[in-house]
Amino acid sequence: MNVVVYSTSWCRDCRAAKQFLDVHGIGYAEIDVDADPAASAEVIRHVGKRAIPQLVIDGEWFQPYAPGRGLLLDELSKRLGIPRV
C-alpha cells in the first residue's frame, strides 16, 4: 500500500491522522503543504480547497476528517483495511 499524507505541523487533525497510521504500522510519505507551495496547489487541484489532512492511498485521494466530527476513524480504517474493534 502506498500512502501519502499532505499535512502541516500546526494541524491537530494532521497529527491525529499520522498517529493513527503510526499506531497501525502503516508507512507513509509526508508532504508539508506549508513548506511546498506546489503541494498546496496539488491539494487545491484535487479537492477544490486547501483542506488538510489529505491522504492519497494507492493513488486515490481521501480526506480523513470532517469539520465538527474530527478524524473519521471508521472510514479511515475501512480505506486502509484495518479491522475496527
Protein backbone atom coordinates (compact mmCIF):
# COMPACT_ATOMS: atom_id res chain seq x y z
CA MET A 1 0.00 0.00 0.00
CA ASN A 2 1.29 3.43 -0.93
CA VAL A 3 0.13 6.24 1.40
CA VAL A 4 0.96 9.94 1.12
CA VAL A 5 -0.14 12.42 3.79
CA TYR A 6 -0.50 16.10 2.88
CA SER A 7 -0.29 17.99 6.16
CA THR A 8 1.24 20.82 8.19
CA SER A 9 2.97 20.84 11.55
CA TRP A 10 0.31 23.05 13.20
CA CYS A 11 -2.72 20.96 12.17
CA ARG A 12 -4.20 18.88 15.02
CA ASP A 13 -6.15 16.62 12.65
CA CYS A 14 -2.97 16.04 10.62
CA ARG A 15 -1.13 14.90 13.74
CA ALA A 16 -4.05 12.62 14.67
CA ALA A 17 -4.09 11.05 11.19
CA LYS A 18 -0.33 10.42 11.26
CA GLN A 19 -0.56 8.98 14.78
CA PHE A 20 -3.33 6.63 13.60
CA LEU A 21 -1.11 5.45 10.74
CA ASP A 22 1.87 5.04 13.09
CA VAL A 23 -0.13 3.05 15.66
CA HIS A 24 -1.29 0.67 12.94
CA GLY A 25 2.16 0.29 11.42
CA ILE A 26 1.23 1.87 8.10
CA GLY A 27 4.14 3.59 6.42
CA TYR A 28 3.58 6.87 4.64
CA ALA A 29 5.33 9.73 2.92
CA GLU A 30 4.55 13.14 4.38
CA ILE A 31 4.30 16.32 2.34
CA ASP A 32 4.17 19.61 4.25
CA VAL A 33 1.94 21.97 2.27
CA ASP A 34 3.34 24.99 4.15
CA ALA A 35 6.88 24.16 3.06
CA ASP A 36 5.97 23.23 -0.52
CA PRO A 37 3.74 25.64 -2.48
CA ALA A 38 3.42 23.11 -5.31
CA ALA A 39 1.98 20.59 -2.83
CA SER A 40 -0.54 23.15 -1.62
CA ALA A 41 -1.57 23.76 -5.24
CA GLU A 42 -1.87 19.99 -5.76
CA VAL A 43 -4.29 19.71 -2.84
CA ILE A 44 -6.37 22.58 -4.21
CA ARG A 45 -6.38 20.99 -7.68
CA HIS A 46 -7.68 17.67 -6.31
CA VAL A 47 -10.16 18.80 -3.65
CA GLY A 48 -11.01 22.36 -4.63
CA LYS A 49 -9.65 23.96 -1.45
CA ARG A 50 -6.67 23.85 0.87
CA ALA A 51 -8.13 21.27 3.24
CA ILE A 52 -5.77 19.15 5.26
CA PRO A 53 -5.05 16.47 6.14
CA GLN A 54 -5.40 14.74 2.82
CA LEU A 55 -4.34 11.16 2.27
CA VAL A 56 -3.57 9.62 -1.07
CA ILE A 57 -3.97 5.86 -0.72
CA ASP A 58 -2.76 3.93 -3.75
CA GLY A 59 -3.46 6.97 -5.92
CA GLU A 60 -6.93 7.70 -4.50
CA TRP A 61 -7.45 10.97 -2.60
CA PHE A 62 -9.21 10.75 0.75
CA GLN A 63 -9.95 13.42 3.35
CA PRO A 64 -9.84 11.60 6.71
CA TYR A 65 -11.68 14.21 8.74
CA ALA A 66 -14.87 16.23 8.70
CA PRO A 67 -15.36 19.63 10.32
CA GLY A 68 -17.11 19.20 13.63
CA ARG A 69 -16.56 15.43 13.58
CA GLY A 70 -12.77 15.21 13.65
CA LEU A 71 -10.90 12.20 12.37
CA LEU A 72 -13.18 9.74 10.57
CA LEU A 73 -11.85 6.60 12.21
CA ASP A 74 -14.37 4.16 10.72
CA GLU A 75 -13.91 5.45 7.17
CA LEU A 76 -10.14 5.63 7.57
CA SER A 77 -9.98 2.09 8.94
CA LYS A 78 -12.10 0.80 6.08
CA ARG A 79 -9.97 2.52 3.44
CA LEU A 80 -6.81 1.09 4.96
CA GLY A 81 -8.22 -2.40 5.59
CA ILE A 82 -7.84 -2.13 9.36
CA PRO A 83 -10.47 -4.05 11.36
CA ARG A 84 -12.28 -1.92 13.95
CA VAL A 85 -12.77 -3.49 17.36
